[in-house]
Amino acid sequence: MHLFTDSDGRKLTAEPLEGADGSITVKRKEDGRKFTLQLAKLCTEDKAWAEKWLKKREADTKAAARAIEVPARLVAYCKEKMGVQVGNGECWTLADEAFKACGLKRPGNDLRVWGRKLDLKTDKPQPGDIAEFRTAKFSDGSLTGPEHTAVVVGTAKRKRVVIAEQNWSGVKKVHEREMDPEGLLSGELMFYRPE
C-alpha cells in the first residue's frame, strides 16, 4: 500500500498493480476499486516513487521470465545433443557449450561454478541446474572421477533426477541417466542454478 497524493493535494491509499504509458493502475484500500493515475498529475515525491516501483516491477517480470526461459533452453540444448559428442567429449564441455548456446556466462573465474550454489537442505535440483561431482560414490555403486559435470534435464520418482552427461563410463557422447542425490556415500555433489 502507498499513500498517493496528486498535485492538487488529493490523497488515495492504494496498492499499485501495473503501469504503462505514463500511468499506474492502483487498487484502493477501502473498497478494492481500481483507478488509473497519470504520473504527471502526481506530486513530485509520489511520481518518483511510482516510477521507481514500475522499474522494479519490470525488472522482476524480466527476472521471472528469465528464470523460466534459461533452464528450458539449457535442457533443450542437451536434449538436442543426445547421442552425439559435444566439443572434445569431456563432461565439462557439455555444460560449457550449453551455456554458450544460451548466451550465459559463469560468475567469476572458477570453471566449475555455474551460478548460485544450491543448499540441498532447502533447494531441490531442477531441470537446468548444473551438477558438479568430486570423487562421488553413490549407493548404487556408481563412482565419479575427481571432477565430473552434468546438466539436470528432468526429475524422476523418489527425489531422483535425470542428468545429461558425456564422458561417463568411457562414453563421450551425450546420454541421460537417473541419479539419486540422496544416495551420495562419499565425495561431494553440488548443484548450481544458472542466473
C-alpha atoms as a PDB file:
ATOM      1  CA  MET A   1       0.000   0.000   0.000  1.00  0.00           C
ATOM      2  CA  HIS A   2       1.081   3.535  -0.710  1.00  0.00           C
ATOM      3  CA  LEU A   3      -0.481   6.897   0.067  1.00  0.00           C
ATOM      4  CA  PHE A   4      -0.625   8.678  -3.287  1.00  0.00           C
ATOM      5  CA  THR A   5      -1.012  12.463  -3.402  1.00  0.00           C
ATOM      6  CA  ASP A   6      -1.746  14.331  -6.590  1.00  0.00           C
ATOM      7  CA  SER A   7      -0.562  17.828  -7.474  1.00  0.00           C
ATOM      8  CA  ASP A   8      -3.850  19.270  -6.093  1.00  0.00           C
ATOM      9  CA  GLY A   9      -3.282  17.610  -2.689  1.00  0.00           C
ATOM     10  CA  ARG A  10      -5.914  14.852  -3.070  1.00  0.00           C
ATOM     11  CA  LYS A  11      -4.897  11.611  -1.360  1.00  0.00           C
ATOM     12  CA  LEU A  12      -5.550   7.942  -2.127  1.00  0.00           C
ATOM     13  CA  THR A  13      -4.264   4.932  -0.184  1.00  0.00           C
ATOM     14  CA  ALA A  14      -3.924   2.146  -2.720  1.00  0.00           C
ATOM     15  CA  GLU A  15      -1.938  -0.874  -3.821  1.00  0.00           C
ATOM     16  CA  PRO A  16      -0.041  -0.470  -7.101  1.00  0.00           C
ATOM     17  CA  LEU A  17      -0.929  -3.165  -9.639  1.00  0.00           C
ATOM     18  CA  GLU A  18       0.600  -2.311 -13.004  1.00  0.00           C
ATOM     19  CA  GLY A  19       1.574   0.577 -15.187  1.00  0.00           C
ATOM     20  CA  ALA A  20       2.083   1.692 -18.759  1.00  0.00           C
ATOM     21  CA  ASP A  21       2.288   4.804 -20.912  1.00  0.00           C
ATOM     22  CA  GLY A  22       2.898   7.270 -18.079  1.00  0.00           C
ATOM     23  CA  SER A  23       0.252   5.872 -15.746  1.00  0.00           C
ATOM     24  CA  ILE A  24      -0.104   3.443 -12.875  1.00  0.00           C
ATOM     25  CA  THR A  25      -3.145   1.322 -12.075  1.00  0.00           C
ATOM     26  CA  VAL A  26      -3.902   1.013  -8.369  1.00  0.00           C
ATOM     27  CA  LYS A  27      -6.485  -0.696  -6.151  1.00  0.00           C
ATOM     28  CA  ARG A  28      -7.996   1.444  -3.396  1.00  0.00           C
ATOM     29  CA  LYS A  29      -7.539   0.040   0.118  1.00  0.00           C
ATOM     30  CA  GLU A  30     -11.068   0.726   1.391  1.00  0.00           C
ATOM     31  CA  ASP A  31     -13.158  -0.933  -1.307  1.00  0.00           C
ATOM     32  CA  GLY A  32     -10.839  -2.564  -3.836  1.00  0.00           C
ATOM     33  CA  ARG A  33     -11.913  -0.206  -6.601  1.00  0.00           C
ATOM     34  CA  LYS A  34      -9.301   0.253  -9.343  1.00  0.00           C
ATOM     35  CA  PHE A  35      -8.048   3.592 -10.609  1.00  0.00           C
ATOM     36  CA  THR A  36      -5.550   4.639 -13.243  1.00  0.00           C
ATOM     37  CA  LEU A  37      -3.396   7.525 -12.059  1.00  0.00           C
ATOM     38  CA  GLN A  38      -1.447   9.683 -14.500  1.00  0.00           C
ATOM     39  CA  LEU A  39       2.156  10.028 -13.265  1.00  0.00           C
ATOM     40  CA  ALA A  40       2.308  13.625 -14.495  1.00  0.00           C
ATOM     41  CA  LYS A  41      -0.552  14.537 -12.140  1.00  0.00           C
ATOM     42  CA  LEU A  42       1.073  13.064  -9.010  1.00  0.00           C
ATOM     43  CA  CYS A  43       3.097  15.168  -6.585  1.00  0.00           C
ATOM     44  CA  THR A  44       6.848  15.082  -7.248  1.00  0.00           C
ATOM     45  CA  GLU A  45       7.615  12.559  -4.483  1.00  0.00           C
ATOM     46  CA  ASP A  46       4.850  10.151  -5.490  1.00  0.00           C
ATOM     47  CA  LYS A  47       5.698  10.417  -9.174  1.00  0.00           C
ATOM     48  CA  ALA A  48       9.289   9.433  -8.310  1.00  0.00           C
ATOM     49  CA  TRP A  49       8.008   6.598  -6.053  1.00  0.00           C
ATOM     50  CA  ALA A  50       5.704   5.282  -8.799  1.00  0.00           C
ATOM     51  CA  GLU A  51       8.451   5.426 -11.445  1.00  0.00           C
ATOM     52  CA  LYS A  52      10.781   3.502  -9.131  1.00  0.00           C
ATOM     53  CA  TRP A  53       8.053   0.921  -8.412  1.00  0.00           C
ATOM     54  CA  LEU A  54       7.370   0.492 -12.130  1.00  0.00           C
ATOM     55  CA  LYS A  55      11.077  -0.035 -12.905  1.00  0.00           C
ATOM     56  CA  LYS A  56      11.378  -2.637 -10.132  1.00  0.00           C
ATOM     57  CA  ARG A  57       8.227  -4.409 -11.317  1.00  0.00           C
ATOM     58  CA  GLU A  58       9.573  -4.503 -14.878  1.00  0.00           C
ATOM     59  CA  ALA A  59      12.905  -5.885 -13.645  1.00  0.00           C
ATOM     60  CA  ASP A  60      11.099  -8.504 -11.525  1.00  0.00           C
ATOM     61  CA  THR A  61       8.958  -9.528 -14.503  1.00  0.00           C
ATOM     62  CA  LYS A  62      12.042  -9.916 -16.702  1.00  0.00           C
ATOM     63  CA  ALA A  63      13.826 -11.910 -13.975  1.00  0.00           C
ATOM     64  CA  ALA A  64      10.828 -14.232 -13.594  1.00  0.00           C
ATOM     65  CA  ALA A  65      10.674 -14.815 -17.349  1.00  0.00           C
ATOM     66  CA  ARG A  66      14.413 -15.475 -17.438  1.00  0.00           C
ATOM     67  CA  ALA A  67      14.116 -17.946 -14.543  1.00  0.00           C
ATOM     68  CA  ILE A  68      11.779 -19.998 -16.746  1.00  0.00           C
ATOM     69  CA  GLU A  69      13.499 -19.422 -20.086  1.00  0.00           C
ATOM     70  CA  VAL A  70      17.127 -20.156 -19.123  1.00  0.00           C
ATOM     71  CA  PRO A  71      16.582 -23.659 -17.679  1.00  0.00           C
ATOM     72  CA  ALA A  72      14.312 -24.575 -20.600  1.00  0.00           C
ATOM     73  CA  ARG A  73      16.973 -23.515 -23.110  1.00  0.00           C
ATOM     74  CA  LEU A  74      19.736 -25.444 -21.281  1.00  0.00           C
ATOM     75  CA  VAL A  75      17.594 -28.589 -21.200  1.00  0.00           C
ATOM     76  CA  ALA A  76      16.615 -28.190 -24.874  1.00  0.00           C
ATOM     77  CA  TYR A  77      20.286 -27.861 -25.861  1.00  0.00           C
ATOM     78  CA  CYS A  78      21.215 -31.072 -24.039  1.00  0.00           C
ATOM     79  CA  LYS A  79      18.228 -32.973 -25.450  1.00  0.00           C
ATOM     80  CA  GLU A  80      19.170 -31.831 -28.956  1.00  0.00           C
ATOM     81  CA  LYS A  81      22.698 -33.226 -28.481  1.00  0.00           C
ATOM     82  CA  MET A  82      21.650 -36.704 -27.301  1.00  0.00           C
ATOM     83  CA  GLY A  83      23.773 -39.382 -28.931  1.00  0.00           C
ATOM     84  CA  VAL A  84      26.426 -37.016 -30.266  1.00  0.00           C
ATOM     85  CA  GLN A  85      29.740 -35.806 -28.883  1.00  0.00           C
ATOM     86  CA  VAL A  86      29.776 -32.150 -27.907  1.00  0.00           C
ATOM     87  CA  GLY A  87      33.129 -30.450 -28.388  1.00  0.00           C
ATOM     88  CA  ASN A  88      36.018 -32.615 -27.213  1.00  0.00           C
ATOM     89  CA  GLY A  89      33.683 -35.056 -25.426  1.00  0.00           C
ATOM     90  CA  GLU A  90      34.761 -34.065 -21.934  1.00  0.00           C
ATOM     91  CA  CYS A  91      31.974 -33.840 -19.351  1.00  0.00           C
ATOM     92  CA  TRP A  92      32.585 -30.166 -18.617  1.00  0.00           C
ATOM     93  CA  THR A  93      32.342 -29.272 -22.305  1.00  0.00           C
ATOM     94  CA  LEU A  94      28.648 -30.204 -22.490  1.00  0.00           C
ATOM     95  CA  ALA A  95      27.687 -27.680 -19.793  1.00  0.00           C
ATOM     96  CA  ASP A  96      30.063 -25.063 -21.178  1.00  0.00           C
ATOM     97  CA  GLU A  97      28.726 -25.354 -24.733  1.00  0.00           C
ATOM     98  CA  ALA A  98      25.140 -25.293 -23.428  1.00  0.00           C
ATOM     99  CA  PHE A  99      25.974 -22.082 -21.561  1.00  0.00           C
ATOM    100  CA  LYS A 100      27.467 -20.530 -24.684  1.00  0.00           C
ATOM    101  CA  ALA A 101      24.488 -21.560 -26.819  1.00  0.00           C
ATOM    102  CA  CYS A 102      22.143 -19.908 -24.301  1.00  0.00           C
ATOM    103  CA  GLY A 103      24.207 -16.722 -24.059  1.00  0.00           C
ATOM    104  CA  LEU A 104      25.128 -17.386 -20.418  1.00  0.00           C
ATOM    105  CA  LYS A 105      28.363 -16.673 -18.601  1.00  0.00           C
ATOM    106  CA  ARG A 106      29.641 -18.283 -15.446  1.00  0.00           C
ATOM    107  CA  PRO A 107      30.116 -15.996 -12.462  1.00  0.00           C
ATOM    108  CA  GLY A 108      33.771 -15.399 -11.695  1.00  0.00           C
ATOM    109  CA  ASN A 109      36.738 -17.359 -12.976  1.00  0.00           C
ATOM    110  CA  ASP A 110      36.109 -20.778 -11.394  1.00  0.00           C
ATOM    111  CA  LEU A 111      35.390 -23.154 -14.285  1.00  0.00           C
ATOM    112  CA  ARG A 112      33.316 -25.416 -12.032  1.00  0.00           C
ATOM    113  CA  VAL A 113      30.911 -22.769 -10.692  1.00  0.00           C
ATOM    114  CA  TRP A 114      27.799 -22.271 -12.819  1.00  0.00           C
ATOM    115  CA  GLY A 115      25.642 -19.871 -10.799  1.00  0.00           C
ATOM    116  CA  ARG A 116      24.116 -19.875  -7.334  1.00  0.00           C
ATOM    117  CA  LYS A 117      25.132 -22.943  -5.338  1.00  0.00           C
ATOM    118  CA  LEU A 118      22.053 -24.723  -4.047  1.00  0.00           C
ATOM    119  CA  ASP A 119      21.609 -25.600  -0.399  1.00  0.00           C
ATOM    120  CA  LEU A 120      20.278 -29.148  -0.754  1.00  0.00           C
ATOM    121  CA  LYS A 121      18.588 -28.882   2.651  1.00  0.00           C
ATOM    122  CA  THR A 122      16.223 -26.226   1.283  1.00  0.00           C
ATOM    123  CA  ASP A 123      16.550 -26.356  -2.546  1.00  0.00           C
ATOM    124  CA  LYS A 124      15.645 -29.248  -4.814  1.00  0.00           C
ATOM    125  CA  PRO A 125      17.624 -29.729  -8.014  1.00  0.00           C
ATOM    126  CA  GLN A 126      15.510 -28.913 -11.049  1.00  0.00           C
ATOM    127  CA  PRO A 127      15.930 -29.079 -14.811  1.00  0.00           C
ATOM    128  CA  GLY A 128      18.556 -26.605 -15.993  1.00  0.00           C
ATOM    129  CA  ASP A 129      20.718 -26.908 -12.870  1.00  0.00           C
ATOM    130  CA  ILE A 130      24.334 -27.995 -13.277  1.00  0.00           C
ATOM    131  CA  ALA A 131      25.702 -30.850 -11.144  1.00  0.00           C
ATOM    132  CA  GLU A 132      29.337 -30.955 -10.092  1.00  0.00           C
ATOM    133  CA  PHE A 133      30.752 -34.171  -8.646  1.00  0.00           C
ATOM    134  CA  ARG A 134      34.046 -34.588  -6.772  1.00  0.00           C
ATOM    135  CA  THR A 135      35.099 -38.230  -6.410  1.00  0.00           C
ATOM    136  CA  ALA A 136      31.478 -39.023  -5.598  1.00  0.00           C
ATOM    137  CA  LYS A 137      30.489 -42.550  -4.623  1.00  0.00           C
ATOM    138  CA  PHE A 138      26.799 -43.487  -4.624  1.00  0.00           C
ATOM    139  CA  SER A 139      24.743 -46.235  -3.023  1.00  0.00           C
ATOM    140  CA  ASP A 140      24.017 -47.723  -6.485  1.00  0.00           C
ATOM    141  CA  GLY A 141      27.758 -48.407  -6.893  1.00  0.00           C
ATOM    142  CA  SER A 142      28.486 -45.556  -9.301  1.00  0.00           C
ATOM    143  CA  LEU A 143      31.652 -43.552  -8.756  1.00  0.00           C
ATOM    144  CA  THR A 144      32.819 -40.389 -10.499  1.00  0.00           C
ATOM    145  CA  GLY A 145      36.355 -39.287 -11.162  1.00  0.00           C
ATOM    146  CA  PRO A 146      37.948 -36.379  -9.286  1.00  0.00           C
ATOM    147  CA  GLU A 147      35.710 -33.951 -11.217  1.00  0.00           C
ATOM    148  CA  HIS A 148      32.581 -34.616 -13.255  1.00  0.00           C
ATOM    149  CA  THR A 149      29.947 -32.235 -14.637  1.00  0.00           C
ATOM    150  CA  ALA A 150      26.372 -32.946 -15.754  1.00  0.00           C
ATOM    151  CA  VAL A 151      23.224 -30.982 -16.575  1.00  0.00           C
ATOM    152  CA  VAL A 152      19.906 -31.795 -14.883  1.00  0.00           C
ATOM    153  CA  VAL A 153      17.358 -32.334 -17.656  1.00  0.00           C
ATOM    154  CA  GLY A 154      14.460 -33.796 -15.687  1.00  0.00           C
ATOM    155  CA  THR A 155      13.142 -35.197 -12.459  1.00  0.00           C
ATOM    156  CA  ALA A 156      12.148 -38.752 -11.641  1.00  0.00           C
ATOM    157  CA  LYS A 157      10.407 -40.607  -8.835  1.00  0.00           C
ATOM    158  CA  ARG A 158      11.713 -40.710  -5.277  1.00  0.00           C
ATOM    159  CA  LYS A 159      13.725 -37.467  -5.449  1.00  0.00           C
ATOM    160  CA  ARG A 160      15.858 -38.755  -8.299  1.00  0.00           C
ATOM    161  CA  VAL A 161      16.950 -36.508 -11.153  1.00  0.00           C
ATOM    162  CA  VAL A 162      17.679 -37.195 -14.799  1.00  0.00           C
ATOM    163  CA  ILE A 163      21.035 -35.848 -15.909  1.00  0.00           C
ATOM    164  CA  ALA A 164      22.592 -35.367 -19.321  1.00  0.00           C
ATOM    165  CA  GLU A 165      26.309 -36.071 -19.399  1.00  0.00           C
ATOM    166  CA  GLN A 166      29.166 -37.195 -21.564  1.00  0.00           C
ATOM    167  CA  ASN A 167      32.491 -38.844 -20.787  1.00  0.00           C
ATOM    168  CA  TRP A 168      30.847 -41.238 -18.332  1.00  0.00           C
ATOM    169  CA  SER A 169      31.960 -44.877 -18.271  1.00  0.00           C
ATOM    170  CA  GLY A 170      34.065 -44.234 -21.358  1.00  0.00           C
ATOM    171  CA  VAL A 171      31.119 -42.883 -23.392  1.00  0.00           C
ATOM    172  CA  LYS A 172      31.982 -39.490 -24.871  1.00  0.00           C
ATOM    173  CA  LYS A 173      28.541 -38.978 -26.399  1.00  0.00           C
ATOM    174  CA  VAL A 174      25.718 -37.189 -24.614  1.00  0.00           C
ATOM    175  CA  HIS A 175      23.334 -39.546 -22.862  1.00  0.00           C
ATOM    176  CA  GLU A 176      20.860 -39.466 -19.981  1.00  0.00           C
ATOM    177  CA  ARG A 177      20.737 -41.401 -16.770  1.00  0.00           C
ATOM    178  CA  GLU A 178      18.871 -41.189 -13.490  1.00  0.00           C
ATOM    179  CA  MET A 179      20.748 -40.475 -10.297  1.00  0.00           C
ATOM    180  CA  ASP A 180      19.783 -40.168  -6.663  1.00  0.00           C
ATOM    181  CA  PRO A 181      21.418 -37.166  -4.968  1.00  0.00           C
ATOM    182  CA  GLU A 182      20.489 -38.649  -1.582  1.00  0.00           C
ATOM    183  CA  GLY A 183      22.459 -41.794  -2.454  1.00  0.00           C
ATOM    184  CA  LEU A 184      25.786 -39.975  -2.057  1.00  0.00           C
ATOM    185  CA  LEU A 185      28.007 -42.029   0.262  1.00  0.00           C
ATOM    186  CA  SER A 186      31.282 -40.134  -0.043  1.00  0.00           C
ATOM    187  CA  GLY A 187      32.891 -37.343  -2.015  1.00  0.00           C
ATOM    188  CA  GLU A 188      30.993 -34.219  -2.978  1.00  0.00           C
ATOM    189  CA  LEU A 189      27.944 -33.377  -5.056  1.00  0.00           C
ATOM    190  CA  MET A 190      26.999 -29.754  -5.694  1.00  0.00           C
ATOM    191  CA  PHE A 191      24.234 -28.252  -7.785  1.00  0.00           C
ATOM    192  CA  TYR A 192      24.357 -24.781  -9.285  1.00  0.00           C
ATOM    193  CA  ARG A 193      21.427 -22.758 -10.585  1.00  0.00           C
ATOM    194  CA  PRO A 194      22.400 -20.560 -13.545  1.00  0.00           C
ATOM    195  CA  GLU A 195      21.264 -16.966 -13.196  1.00  0.00           C
END
